Amino acid sequence: MAYVVTEKCIRCKYTDCVDVCPVDCFFEGEKMLVINPQECIDCGVCEPECPVGAIVFADDTSLKMQEINAIYSAKWKRIISKKPPLQDADKYKNEEGKFEKYFHIDEGEN
């Protein structure tokens, strides 16, 4: 089982986790990151690096978020180095229900 990026990442996109990943298994969408579950080696070094707690072990999150990570890691571009967070990241970091508000599956991107 891999680690998963949860909806807490949406509209924040802190990339501290990317810098420590030994296998470069993060992929970047417009508003969030995802982890490729086939590439993740379950080392866990990314989990404590996320300032909003958006990375969890797959068993500790919904099947929906596991599927989102698997689907979009195959569509989005790989990210291998840290970037600045989104402009209003601090404003959105504690918001609840971000998936329903900001993630648009039917558009094929977030």
C-alpha atoms as a PDB file:
ATOM      1  CA  MET A   1       0.000   0.000   0.000  1.00  0.00           C
ATOM      2  CA  ALA A   2       1.245   3.484  -0.878  1.00  0.00           C
ATOM      3  CA  TYR A   3       0.937   6.933   0.613  1.00  0.00           C
ATOM      4  CA  VAL A   4      -1.831   9.180  -0.724  1.00  0.00           C
ATOM      5  CA  VAL A   5      -2.284  12.933  -1.059  1.00  0.00           C
ATOM      6  CA  THR A   6      -5.665  13.917   0.376  1.00  0.00           C
ATOM      7  CA  GLU A   7      -7.995  16.825  -0.319  1.00  0.00           C
ATOM      8  CA  LYS A   8      -6.125  18.907   2.270  1.00  0.00           C
ATOM      9  CA  CYS A   9      -3.610  19.648  -0.509  1.00  0.00           C
ATOM     10  CA  ILE A  10      -6.226  21.281  -2.740  1.00  0.00           C
ATOM     11  CA  ARG A  11      -5.635  25.033  -3.176  1.00  0.00           C
ATOM     12  CA  CYS A  12      -2.456  24.836  -1.070  1.00  0.00           C
ATOM     13  CA  LYS A  13       0.017  22.667  -2.976  1.00  0.00           C
ATOM     14  CA  TYR A  14       2.930  22.883  -0.578  1.00  0.00           C
ATOM     15  CA  THR A  15       5.752  20.921  -2.177  1.00  0.00           C
ATOM     16  CA  ASP A  16       8.016  20.232   0.802  1.00  0.00           C
ATOM     17  CA  CYS A  17       7.185  16.548   0.294  1.00  0.00           C
ATOM     18  CA  VAL A  18       8.588  16.529  -3.224  1.00  0.00           C
ATOM     19  CA  ASP A  19      12.097  17.447  -2.079  1.00  0.00           C
ATOM     20  CA  VAL A  20      12.412  14.413   0.189  1.00  0.00           C
ATOM     21  CA  CYS A  21      10.853  11.740  -2.057  1.00  0.00           C
ATOM     22  CA  PRO A  22      13.612   9.286  -3.048  1.00  0.00           C
ATOM     23  CA  VAL A  23      11.675   7.936  -6.057  1.00  0.00           C
ATOM     24  CA  ASP A  24      10.067  11.114  -7.450  1.00  0.00           C
ATOM     25  CA  CYS A  25       6.529   9.722  -7.335  1.00  0.00           C
ATOM     26  CA  PHE A  26       4.685  13.071  -7.053  1.00  0.00           C
ATOM     27  CA  PHE A  27       2.641  14.556  -9.884  1.00  0.00           C
ATOM     28  CA  GLU A  28       1.320  18.099 -10.122  1.00  0.00           C
ATOM     29  CA  GLY A  29      -2.086  19.384 -11.100  1.00  0.00           C
ATOM     30  CA  GLU A  30      -3.239  22.966 -11.158  1.00  0.00           C
ATOM     31  CA  LYS A  31      -4.436  22.960  -7.535  1.00  0.00           C
ATOM     32  CA  MET A  32      -2.927  19.881  -5.851  1.00  0.00           C
ATOM     33  CA  LEU A  33      -0.358  17.101  -5.963  1.00  0.00           C
ATOM     34  CA  VAL A  34      -0.912  13.347  -6.146  1.00  0.00           C
ATOM     35  CA  ILE A  35       1.287  10.313  -5.541  1.00  0.00           C
ATOM     36  CA  ASN A  36       1.640   7.489  -8.049  1.00  0.00           C
ATOM     37  CA  PRO A  37       0.760   4.397  -5.973  1.00  0.00           C
ATOM     38  CA  GLN A  38       2.743   2.107  -8.305  1.00  0.00           C
ATOM     39  CA  GLU A  39       5.921   4.120  -7.781  1.00  0.00           C
ATOM     40  CA  CYS A  40       5.613   4.917  -4.067  1.00  0.00           C
ATOM     41  CA  ILE A  41       7.926   2.695  -2.008  1.00  0.00           C
ATOM     42  CA  ASP A  42       6.095   3.332   1.282  1.00  0.00           C
ATOM     43  CA  CYS A  43       9.134   4.926   2.916  1.00  0.00           C
ATOM     44  CA  GLY A  44       6.983   7.581   4.614  1.00  0.00           C
ATOM     45  CA  VAL A  45       9.536  10.397   4.492  1.00  0.00           C
ATOM     46  CA  CYS A  46       7.052  12.687   2.729  1.00  0.00           C
ATOM     47  CA  GLU A  47       4.317  12.427   5.348  1.00  0.00           C
ATOM     48  CA  PRO A  48       5.883  14.585   8.101  1.00  0.00           C
ATOM     49  CA  GLU A  49       7.061  17.180   5.567  1.00  0.00           C
ATOM     50  CA  CYS A  50       3.568  18.311   4.607  1.00  0.00           C
ATOM     51  CA  PRO A  51       2.670  21.397   6.682  1.00  0.00           C
ATOM     52  CA  VAL A  52      -1.080  20.685   6.374  1.00  0.00           C
ATOM     53  CA  GLY A  53      -1.020  16.919   6.960  1.00  0.00           C
ATOM     54  CA  ALA A  54      -2.262  16.149   3.442  1.00  0.00           C
ATOM     55  CA  ILE A  55      -0.229  12.957   3.034  1.00  0.00           C
ATOM     56  CA  VAL A  56      -1.451   9.771   4.700  1.00  0.00           C
ATOM     57  CA  PHE A  57      -1.001   6.036   4.367  1.00  0.00           C
ATOM     58  CA  ALA A  58      -3.559   4.733   1.852  1.00  0.00           C
ATOM     59  CA  ASP A  59      -5.345   2.585   4.443  1.00  0.00           C
ATOM     60  CA  ASP A  60      -6.034   5.771   6.434  1.00  0.00           C
ATOM     61  CA  THR A  61      -8.012   7.583   3.723  1.00  0.00           C
ATOM     62  CA  SER A  62     -10.987   7.065   1.451  1.00  0.00           C
ATOM     63  CA  LEU A  63     -11.022   4.849  -1.592  1.00  0.00           C
ATOM     64  CA  LYS A  64     -12.006   7.977  -3.533  1.00  0.00           C
ATOM     65  CA  MET A  65      -8.697   9.693  -2.723  1.00  0.00           C
ATOM     66  CA  GLN A  66      -6.741   6.523  -3.478  1.00  0.00           C
ATOM     67  CA  GLU A  67      -8.402   6.443  -6.909  1.00  0.00           C
ATOM     68  CA  ILE A  68      -7.778  10.165  -7.503  1.00  0.00           C
ATOM     69  CA  ASN A  69      -4.061   9.647  -6.824  1.00  0.00           C
ATOM     70  CA  ALA A  70      -3.892   6.644  -9.167  1.00  0.00           C
ATOM     71  CA  ILE A  71      -5.851   8.271 -11.998  1.00  0.00           C
ATOM     72  CA  TYR A  72      -4.232  11.691 -11.976  1.00  0.00           C
ATOM     73  CA  SER A  73      -0.670  10.501 -11.443  1.00  0.00           C
ATOM     74  CA  ALA A  74      -1.057   8.945 -14.897  1.00  0.00           C
ATOM     75  CA  LYS A  75      -2.313  12.237 -16.403  1.00  0.00           C
ATOM     76  CA  TRP A  76      -0.368  15.011 -14.716  1.00  0.00           C
ATOM     77  CA  LYS A  77       3.268  16.036 -15.041  1.00  0.00           C
ATOM     78  CA  ARG A  78       5.860  14.657 -12.625  1.00  0.00           C
ATOM     79  CA  ILE A  79       7.255  17.198 -10.150  1.00  0.00           C
ATOM     80  CA  ILE A  80      10.772  16.595  -8.817  1.00  0.00           C
ATOM     81  CA  SER A  81      11.688  19.778  -6.965  1.00  0.00           C
ATOM     82  CA  LYS A  82      10.128  22.127  -4.461  1.00  0.00           C
ATOM     83  CA  LYS A  83       8.129  25.113  -5.709  1.00  0.00           C
ATOM     84  CA  PRO A  84       6.388  27.931  -3.856  1.00  0.00           C
ATOM     85  CA  PRO A  85       2.886  27.038  -2.599  1.00  0.00           C
ATOM     86  CA  LEU A  86      -0.162  28.502  -4.306  1.00  0.00           C
ATOM     87  CA  GLN A  87      -0.660  32.213  -3.695  1.00  0.00           C
ATOM     88  CA  ASP A  88      -3.540  31.846  -1.198  1.00  0.00           C
ATOM     89  CA  ALA A  89      -2.346  28.590   0.379  1.00  0.00           C
ATOM     90  CA  ASP A  90      -2.522  29.887   3.940  1.00  0.00           C
ATOM     91  CA  LYS A  91      -6.107  31.038   3.368  1.00  0.00           C
ATOM     92  CA  TYR A  92      -7.235  27.544   2.279  1.00  0.00           C
ATOM     93  CA  LYS A  93      -5.048  25.235   4.364  1.00  0.00           C
ATOM     94  CA  ASN A  94      -7.646  24.611   7.089  1.00  0.00           C
ATOM     95  CA  GLU A  95     -10.770  24.677   4.925  1.00  0.00           C
ATOM     96  CA  GLU A  96     -13.012  21.601   5.027  1.00  0.00           C
ATOM     97  CA  GLY A  97     -14.784  20.043   2.035  1.00  0.00           C
ATOM     98  CA  LYS A  98     -12.273  21.245  -0.533  1.00  0.00           C
ATOM     99  CA  PHE A  99     -12.725  18.251  -2.825  1.00  0.00           C
ATOM    100  CA  GLU A 100     -16.396  18.964  -3.471  1.00  0.00           C
ATOM    101  CA  LYS A 101     -15.804  22.710  -3.825  1.00  0.00           C
ATOM    102  CA  TYR A 102     -12.695  22.816  -5.998  1.00  0.00           C
ATOM    103  CA  PHE A 103     -11.936  19.482  -7.674  1.00  0.00           C
ATOM    104  CA  HIS A 104     -13.731  18.974 -10.995  1.00  0.00           C
ATOM    105  CA  ILE A 105     -13.431  15.365 -12.145  1.00  0.00           C
ATOM    106  CA  ASP A 106     -15.507  15.890 -15.281  1.00  0.00           C
ATOM    107  CA  GLU A 107     -13.000  18.466 -16.535  1.00  0.00           C
ATOM    108  CA  GLY A 108     -10.135  16.010 -16.242  1.00  0.00           C
ATOM    109  CA  GLU A 109      -8.163  18.351 -14.024  1.00  0.00           C
ATOM    110  CA  ASN A 110      -8.456  20.119 -10.752  1.00  0.00           C
END
